[in-house]
Amino acid sequence: MAANEHKNLTDINRHNPKGFENAVNDTTLSKSAGTSPTGTDGNLVWQDKSLMGATNYKMQGYTTGIANYKYGEDIADTKSPFEMAVDYGNSDVASGSLVPTNLFRIGQGCVIPEIANVVSISGWITSNNETVTTIAICKVTPVEDDLSNVVPVVIDEIAVTGLGSNAKLARVNETTITASQLAAGDIIFPMIKETGGTGSTIYINLSIQTTTF
């Protein structure tokens, strides 16, 4: 019986993976996203090779910290895309909303071209005070030909304590993502707030990594 174990079979006697015969050429076997990046309920799928791999979205900017979230200036502003000076009006992302013109013109907004998952948020921040800076990486799903306000969804919130100097970098390295799934056409962008709103000068330089599975 031992001679018939899979490990002992010669190549000619091994079968192809499930679904191989009907898979389109130039595809690779993978597992779909399922309910979360850390789950195990994804399905076996044959996926076009052109969609495999990771994509990184750069988000860099600066702000003066307040208790409410701030987001990036309109692209028509001379300090766009780096200045984050627009007051969201809330310290809780879910309690506010954006009109389509605002969400579309955020200088740091990145359009996601395909269904994807955020797998990591990595980078650095500086603050000239030792207060807590919270970065919210958000997404909005625009609706074509619709004037209604859109409530952003928090992909993840990261709290970082400043080191009291803009010459001292504090690390951001987040791999446990709250709401990782992105749809084609989603716009992602950062917001920043400061505990106590003490008016610290805050800089961020982040990379948002996504994969298609």
C-alpha atoms as a PDB file:
ATOM      1  CA  MET A   1       0.000   0.000   0.000  1.00  0.00           C
ATOM      2  CA  ALA A   2       2.834   2.389   0.870  1.00  0.00           C
ATOM      3  CA  ALA A   3       4.053   2.304  -2.729  1.00  0.00           C
ATOM      4  CA  ASN A   4       0.736   3.830  -3.815  1.00  0.00           C
ATOM      5  CA  GLU A   5       1.052   6.886  -1.594  1.00  0.00           C
ATOM      6  CA  HIS A   6       0.902  10.139  -3.525  1.00  0.00           C
ATOM      7  CA  LYS A   7       4.492  11.020  -2.639  1.00  0.00           C
ATOM      8  CA  ASN A   8       5.702   7.783  -4.241  1.00  0.00           C
ATOM      9  CA  LEU A   9       3.834   8.167  -7.541  1.00  0.00           C
ATOM     10  CA  THR A  10       5.793   9.101 -10.639  1.00  0.00           C
ATOM     11  CA  ASP A  11       4.867  12.295 -12.436  1.00  0.00           C
ATOM     12  CA  ILE A  12       2.915  10.499 -15.158  1.00  0.00           C
ATOM     13  CA  ASN A  13       0.630   8.935 -12.533  1.00  0.00           C
ATOM     14  CA  ARG A  14      -0.166  12.118 -10.612  1.00  0.00           C
ATOM     15  CA  HIS A  15      -3.433  13.908 -11.418  1.00  0.00           C
ATOM     16  CA  ASN A  16      -3.770  17.619 -12.202  1.00  0.00           C
ATOM     17  CA  PRO A  17      -5.257  20.006  -9.587  1.00  0.00           C
ATOM     18  CA  LYS A  18      -9.023  20.370  -9.307  1.00  0.00           C
ATOM     19  CA  GLY A  19     -10.477  22.380 -12.192  1.00  0.00           C
ATOM     20  CA  PHE A  20      -7.329  22.162 -14.330  1.00  0.00           C
ATOM     21  CA  GLU A  21      -8.973  20.708 -17.451  1.00  0.00           C
ATOM     22  CA  ASN A  22     -11.525  23.538 -17.706  1.00  0.00           C
ATOM     23  CA  ALA A  23      -9.219  26.378 -16.616  1.00  0.00           C
ATOM     24  CA  VAL A  24      -8.427  29.052 -19.198  1.00  0.00           C
ATOM     25  CA  ASN A  25      -4.821  29.239 -20.387  1.00  0.00           C
ATOM     26  CA  ASP A  26      -2.377  31.593 -18.616  1.00  0.00           C
ATOM     27  CA  THR A  27      -4.135  31.295 -15.245  1.00  0.00           C
ATOM     28  CA  THR A  28      -2.901  30.206 -11.846  1.00  0.00           C
ATOM     29  CA  LEU A  29      -4.549  28.333  -8.990  1.00  0.00           C
ATOM     30  CA  SER A  30      -5.330  30.402  -5.915  1.00  0.00           C
ATOM     31  CA  LYS A  31      -7.831  30.908  -3.093  1.00  0.00           C
ATOM     32  CA  SER A  32     -10.433  33.668  -3.043  1.00  0.00           C
ATOM     33  CA  ALA A  33     -10.643  36.290  -0.271  1.00  0.00           C
ATOM     34  CA  GLY A  34     -13.500  34.729   1.688  1.00  0.00           C
ATOM     35  CA  THR A  35     -14.790  36.732   4.627  1.00  0.00           C
ATOM     36  CA  SER A  36     -11.396  38.060   5.783  1.00  0.00           C
ATOM     37  CA  PRO A  37      -7.660  37.883   5.015  1.00  0.00           C
ATOM     38  CA  THR A  38      -7.099  35.703   8.100  1.00  0.00           C
ATOM     39  CA  GLY A  39     -10.030  33.346   7.492  1.00  0.00           C
ATOM     40  CA  THR A  40     -10.014  29.940   5.819  1.00  0.00           C
ATOM     41  CA  ASP A  41     -13.352  30.000   3.973  1.00  0.00           C
ATOM     42  CA  GLY A  42     -12.127  31.126   0.544  1.00  0.00           C
ATOM     43  CA  ASN A  43     -12.821  29.044  -2.569  1.00  0.00           C
ATOM     44  CA  LEU A  44     -10.361  27.404  -4.928  1.00  0.00           C
ATOM     45  CA  VAL A  45     -10.195  29.526  -8.104  1.00  0.00           C
ATOM     46  CA  TRP A  46      -8.209  29.764 -11.308  1.00  0.00           C
ATOM     47  CA  GLN A  47      -7.269  33.410 -11.732  1.00  0.00           C
ATOM     48  CA  ASP A  48      -5.751  35.337 -14.657  1.00  0.00           C
ATOM     49  CA  LYS A  49      -2.027  35.846 -14.000  1.00  0.00           C
ATOM     50  CA  SER A  50      -2.299  39.540 -14.869  1.00  0.00           C
ATOM     51  CA  LEU A  51      -4.340  40.095 -11.693  1.00  0.00           C
ATOM     52  CA  MET A  52      -1.910  38.412  -9.319  1.00  0.00           C
ATOM     53  CA  GLY A  53       0.547  40.239  -7.097  1.00  0.00           C
ATOM     54  CA  ALA A  54       0.510  43.285  -4.847  1.00  0.00           C
ATOM     55  CA  THR A  55      -0.098  46.986  -5.477  1.00  0.00           C
ATOM     56  CA  ASN A  56       1.139  49.817  -3.250  1.00  0.00           C
ATOM     57  CA  TYR A  57      -0.622  53.178  -2.914  1.00  0.00           C
ATOM     58  CA  LYS A  58       1.477  56.040  -1.544  1.00  0.00           C
ATOM     59  CA  MET A  59      -0.157  58.519   0.869  1.00  0.00           C
ATOM     60  CA  GLN A  60       1.939  61.441   2.070  1.00  0.00           C
ATOM     61  CA  GLY A  61       0.847  64.688   3.702  1.00  0.00           C
ATOM     62  CA  TYR A  62       0.881  67.084   6.627  1.00  0.00           C
ATOM     63  CA  THR A  63      -1.612  68.815   8.898  1.00  0.00           C
ATOM     64  CA  THR A  64      -2.118  70.856  12.049  1.00  0.00           C
ATOM     65  CA  GLY A  65      -3.772  68.505  14.510  1.00  0.00           C
ATOM     66  CA  ILE A  66      -7.277  69.112  15.806  1.00  0.00           C
ATOM     67  CA  ALA A  67      -9.782  66.888  17.623  1.00  0.00           C
ATOM     68  CA  ASN A  68     -11.825  66.390  14.436  1.00  0.00           C
ATOM     69  CA  TYR A  69     -10.547  64.453  11.470  1.00  0.00           C
ATOM     70  CA  LYS A  70      -8.997  66.415   8.613  1.00  0.00           C
ATOM     71  CA  TYR A  71      -8.531  65.297   5.018  1.00  0.00           C
ATOM     72  CA  GLY A  72      -6.660  66.513   1.940  1.00  0.00           C
ATOM     73  CA  GLU A  73      -7.225  69.757   0.084  1.00  0.00           C
ATOM     74  CA  ASP A  74      -9.119  69.966  -3.200  1.00  0.00           C
ATOM     75  CA  ILE A  75      -6.847  69.234  -6.162  1.00  0.00           C
ATOM     76  CA  ALA A  76      -7.352  72.858  -7.293  1.00  0.00           C
ATOM     77  CA  ASP A  77      -5.599  74.111  -4.141  1.00  0.00           C
ATOM     78  CA  THR A  78      -1.943  75.088  -4.630  1.00  0.00           C
ATOM     79  CA  LYS A  79      -0.832  72.924  -1.658  1.00  0.00           C
ATOM     80  CA  SER A  80      -2.658  69.836  -2.865  1.00  0.00           C
ATOM     81  CA  PRO A  81      -2.063  66.914  -2.663  1.00  0.00           C
ATOM     82  CA  PHE A  82       0.024  67.190   0.502  1.00  0.00           C
ATOM     83  CA  GLU A  83      -1.818  69.646   2.756  1.00  0.00           C
ATOM     84  CA  MET A  84      -4.572  68.048   4.853  1.00  0.00           C
ATOM     85  CA  ALA A  85      -6.454  71.104   6.087  1.00  0.00           C
ATOM     86  CA  VAL A  86     -10.138  70.355   5.437  1.00  0.00           C
ATOM     87  CA  ASP A  87     -12.098  69.846   8.681  1.00  0.00           C
ATOM     88  CA  TYR A  88     -14.335  66.772   8.362  1.00  0.00           C
ATOM     89  CA  GLY A  89     -16.489  68.139  11.181  1.00  0.00           C
ATOM     90  CA  ASN A  90     -16.386  64.943  13.221  1.00  0.00           C
ATOM     91  CA  SER A  91     -13.929  62.909  15.242  1.00  0.00           C
ATOM     92  CA  ASP A  92     -15.795  59.749  14.191  1.00  0.00           C
ATOM     93  CA  VAL A  93     -15.665  58.910  10.489  1.00  0.00           C
ATOM     94  CA  ALA A  94     -19.040  57.132  10.519  1.00  0.00           C
ATOM     95  CA  SER A  95     -20.754  60.235  11.926  1.00  0.00           C
ATOM     96  CA  GLY A  96     -19.940  62.432   8.928  1.00  0.00           C
ATOM     97  CA  SER A  97     -20.212  62.345   5.155  1.00  0.00           C
ATOM     98  CA  LEU A  98     -18.751  63.844   1.992  1.00  0.00           C
ATOM     99  CA  VAL A  99     -20.450  65.336  -1.041  1.00  0.00           C
ATOM    100  CA  PRO A 100     -19.362  63.712  -4.320  1.00  0.00           C
ATOM    101  CA  THR A 101     -17.369  66.787  -5.414  1.00  0.00           C
ATOM    102  CA  ASN A 102     -15.325  66.694  -2.205  1.00  0.00           C
ATOM    103  CA  LEU A 103     -14.622  62.970  -2.150  1.00  0.00           C
ATOM    104  CA  PHE A 104     -13.642  63.017  -5.828  1.00  0.00           C
ATOM    105  CA  ARG A 105     -11.221  65.963  -5.502  1.00  0.00           C
ATOM    106  CA  ILE A 106      -9.228  64.920  -2.431  1.00  0.00           C
ATOM    107  CA  GLY A 107      -5.626  65.307  -3.533  1.00  0.00           C
ATOM    108  CA  GLN A 108      -4.491  62.047  -1.946  1.00  0.00           C
ATOM    109  CA  GLY A 109      -7.408  59.991  -3.190  1.00  0.00           C
ATOM    110  CA  CYS A 110      -6.459  56.820  -5.069  1.00  0.00           C
ATOM    111  CA  VAL A 111      -8.909  54.949  -7.304  1.00  0.00           C
ATOM    112  CA  ILE A 112      -8.797  51.151  -6.925  1.00  0.00           C
ATOM    113  CA  PRO A 113      -8.859  49.550 -10.395  1.00  0.00           C
ATOM    114  CA  GLU A 114      -9.993  46.039  -9.416  1.00  0.00           C
ATOM    115  CA  ILE A 115     -11.453  44.000  -6.565  1.00  0.00           C
ATOM    116  CA  ALA A 116      -8.704  43.870  -3.933  1.00  0.00           C
ATOM    117  CA  ASN A 117      -7.880  43.494  -0.252  1.00  0.00           C
ATOM    118  CA  VAL A 118      -5.790  45.786   1.913  1.00  0.00           C
ATOM    119  CA  VAL A 119      -3.130  43.636   3.566  1.00  0.00           C
ATOM    120  CA  SER A 120      -0.863  46.197   5.234  1.00  0.00           C
ATOM    121  CA  ILE A 121      -0.406  49.872   6.092  1.00  0.00           C
ATOM    122  CA  SER A 122       3.260  50.704   6.503  1.00  0.00           C
ATOM    123  CA  GLY A 123       5.287  53.864   6.918  1.00  0.00           C
ATOM    124  CA  TRP A 124       6.160  56.660   9.325  1.00  0.00           C
ATOM    125  CA  ILE A 125       4.722  59.736  11.008  1.00  0.00           C
ATOM    126  CA  THR A 126       6.249  62.675  12.863  1.00  0.00           C
ATOM    127  CA  SER A 127       4.705  65.062  15.370  1.00  0.00           C
ATOM    128  CA  ASN A 128       6.289  67.930  17.281  1.00  0.00           C
ATOM    129  CA  ASN A 129       4.283  66.956  20.391  1.00  0.00           C
ATOM    130  CA  GLU A 130       3.981  63.736  22.389  1.00  0.00           C
ATOM    131  CA  THR A 131       0.257  63.443  21.789  1.00  0.00           C
ATOM    132  CA  VAL A 132      -1.656  60.640  20.086  1.00  0.00           C
ATOM    133  CA  THR A 133      -2.213  61.020  16.358  1.00  0.00           C
ATOM    134  CA  THR A 134      -4.895  58.813  14.786  1.00  0.00           C
ATOM    135  CA  ILE A 135      -4.738  58.049  11.090  1.00  0.00           C
ATOM    136  CA  ALA A 136      -7.879  56.700   9.429  1.00  0.00           C
ATOM    137  CA  ILE A 137      -7.419  55.085   6.025  1.00  0.00           C
ATOM    138  CA  CYS A 138     -10.882  55.390   4.485  1.00  0.00           C
ATOM    139  CA  LYS A 139     -12.734  54.279   1.408  1.00  0.00           C
ATOM    140  CA  VAL A 140     -15.766  55.632  -0.392  1.00  0.00           C
ATOM    141  CA  THR A 141     -17.795  53.870  -3.051  1.00  0.00           C
ATOM    142  CA  PRO A 142     -19.058  56.551  -5.461  1.00  0.00           C
ATOM    143  CA  VAL A 143     -22.388  56.092  -7.224  1.00  0.00           C
ATOM    144  CA  GLU A 144     -22.597  57.243 -10.824  1.00  0.00           C
ATOM    145  CA  ASP A 145     -24.959  60.166 -11.517  1.00  0.00           C
ATOM    146  CA  ASP A 146     -25.885  60.554  -7.830  1.00  0.00           C
ATOM    147  CA  LEU A 147     -25.640  63.798  -5.828  1.00  0.00           C
ATOM    148  CA  SER A 148     -26.153  62.149  -2.437  1.00  0.00           C
ATOM    149  CA  ASN A 149     -23.579  62.475   0.333  1.00  0.00           C
ATOM    150  CA  VAL A 150     -21.417  59.413   0.918  1.00  0.00           C
ATOM    151  CA  VAL A 151     -20.329  58.171   4.352  1.00  0.00           C
ATOM    152  CA  PRO A 152     -16.718  56.944   4.221  1.00  0.00           C
ATOM    153  CA  VAL A 153     -15.907  53.492   5.567  1.00  0.00           C
ATOM    154  CA  VAL A 154     -12.845  53.080   7.783  1.00  0.00           C
ATOM    155  CA  ILE A 155     -10.456  50.514   6.335  1.00  0.00           C
ATOM    156  CA  ASP A 156      -8.350  50.858   9.460  1.00  0.00           C
ATOM    157  CA  GLU A 157      -7.550  53.359  12.215  1.00  0.00           C
ATOM    158  CA  ILE A 158      -4.015  53.546  13.584  1.00  0.00           C
ATOM    159  CA  ALA A 159      -3.104  55.464  16.758  1.00  0.00           C
ATOM    160  CA  VAL A 160       0.520  56.585  17.055  1.00  0.00           C
ATOM    161  CA  THR A 161       2.105  58.587  19.876  1.00  0.00           C
ATOM    162  CA  GLY A 162       4.230  61.468  18.644  1.00  0.00           C
ATOM    163  CA  LEU A 163       7.859  61.722  19.719  1.00  0.00           C
ATOM    164  CA  GLY A 164       7.914  65.473  20.335  1.00  0.00           C
ATOM    165  CA  SER A 165       9.968  66.390  17.281  1.00  0.00           C
ATOM    166  CA  ASN A 166       9.464  66.392  13.526  1.00  0.00           C
ATOM    167  CA  ALA A 167      12.996  65.023  13.298  1.00  0.00           C
ATOM    168  CA  LYS A 168      11.962  61.840  15.152  1.00  0.00           C
ATOM    169  CA  LEU A 169      10.054  59.239  13.139  1.00  0.00           C
ATOM    170  CA  ALA A 170       7.404  56.996  14.692  1.00  0.00           C
ATOM    171  CA  ARG A 171       6.757  53.693  12.928  1.00  0.00           C
ATOM    172  CA  VAL A 172       3.453  52.614  11.405  1.00  0.00           C
ATOM    173  CA  ASN A 173       3.250  48.892  10.641  1.00  0.00           C
ATOM    174  CA  GLU A 174      -0.328  47.611  10.578  1.00  0.00           C
ATOM    175  CA  THR A 175      -1.204  44.162   9.239  1.00  0.00           C
ATOM    176  CA  THR A 176      -4.492  43.493  11.046  1.00  0.00           C
ATOM    177  CA  ILE A 177      -6.935  45.367   8.861  1.00  0.00           C
ATOM    178  CA  THR A 178     -10.468  46.121  10.090  1.00  0.00           C
ATOM    179  CA  ALA A 179     -12.314  46.303   6.731  1.00  0.00           C
ATOM    180  CA  SER A 180      -9.935  45.092   4.064  1.00  0.00           C
ATOM    181  CA  GLN A 181     -12.156  44.461   1.050  1.00  0.00           C
ATOM    182  CA  LEU A 182     -12.182  46.984  -1.806  1.00  0.00           C
ATOM    183  CA  ALA A 183     -14.354  47.146  -4.902  1.00  0.00           C
ATOM    184  CA  ALA A 184     -13.267  48.292  -8.337  1.00  0.00           C
ATOM    185  CA  GLY A 185     -13.814  52.053  -8.467  1.00  0.00           C
ATOM    186  CA  ASP A 186     -13.514  52.642  -4.708  1.00  0.00           C
ATOM    187  CA  ILE A 187     -11.530  55.720  -3.704  1.00  0.00           C
ATOM    188  CA  ILE A 188      -9.181  55.394  -0.729  1.00  0.00           C
ATOM    189  CA  PHE A 189      -7.659  58.324   1.184  1.00  0.00           C
ATOM    190  CA  PRO A 190      -6.264  59.222   4.633  1.00  0.00           C
ATOM    191  CA  MET A 191      -7.724  61.338   7.447  1.00  0.00           C
ATOM    192  CA  ILE A 192      -5.855  62.585  10.541  1.00  0.00           C
ATOM    193  CA  LYS A 193      -6.941  63.737  14.002  1.00  0.00           C
ATOM    194  CA  GLU A 194      -5.096  64.497  17.238  1.00  0.00           C
ATOM    195  CA  THR A 195      -6.181  63.597  20.756  1.00  0.00           C
ATOM    196  CA  GLY A 196      -6.871  66.865  22.557  1.00  0.00           C
ATOM    197  CA  GLY A 197      -6.476  68.871  19.363  1.00  0.00           C
ATOM    198  CA  THR A 198      -3.371  70.675  20.572  1.00  0.00           C
ATOM    199  CA  GLY A 199      -2.360  71.962  17.150  1.00  0.00           C
ATOM    200  CA  SER A 200       0.663  69.749  16.609  1.00  0.00           C
ATOM    201  CA  THR A 201       2.453  69.799  13.277  1.00  0.00           C
ATOM    202  CA  ILE A 202       2.022  66.275  11.908  1.00  0.00           C
ATOM    203  CA  TYR A 203       3.509  64.624   8.828  1.00  0.00           C
ATOM    204  CA  ILE A 204       2.671  61.186   7.409  1.00  0.00           C
ATOM    205  CA  ASN A 205       4.330  59.052   4.748  1.00  0.00           C
ATOM    206  CA  LEU A 206       2.533  55.745   4.237  1.00  0.00           C
ATOM    207  CA  SER A 207       2.220  52.889   1.795  1.00  0.00           C
ATOM    208  CA  ILE A 208      -1.088  51.005   1.532  1.00  0.00           C
ATOM    209  CA  GLN A 209      -0.541  47.537   0.109  1.00  0.00           C
ATOM    210  CA  THR A 210      -3.330  45.605  -1.597  1.00  0.00           C
ATOM    211  CA  THR A 211      -3.572  42.212  -3.224  1.00  0.00           C
ATOM    212  CA  THR A 212      -6.174  40.883  -5.613  1.00  0.00           C
ATOM    213  CA  PHE A 213      -6.851  37.839  -3.427  1.00  0.00           C
END
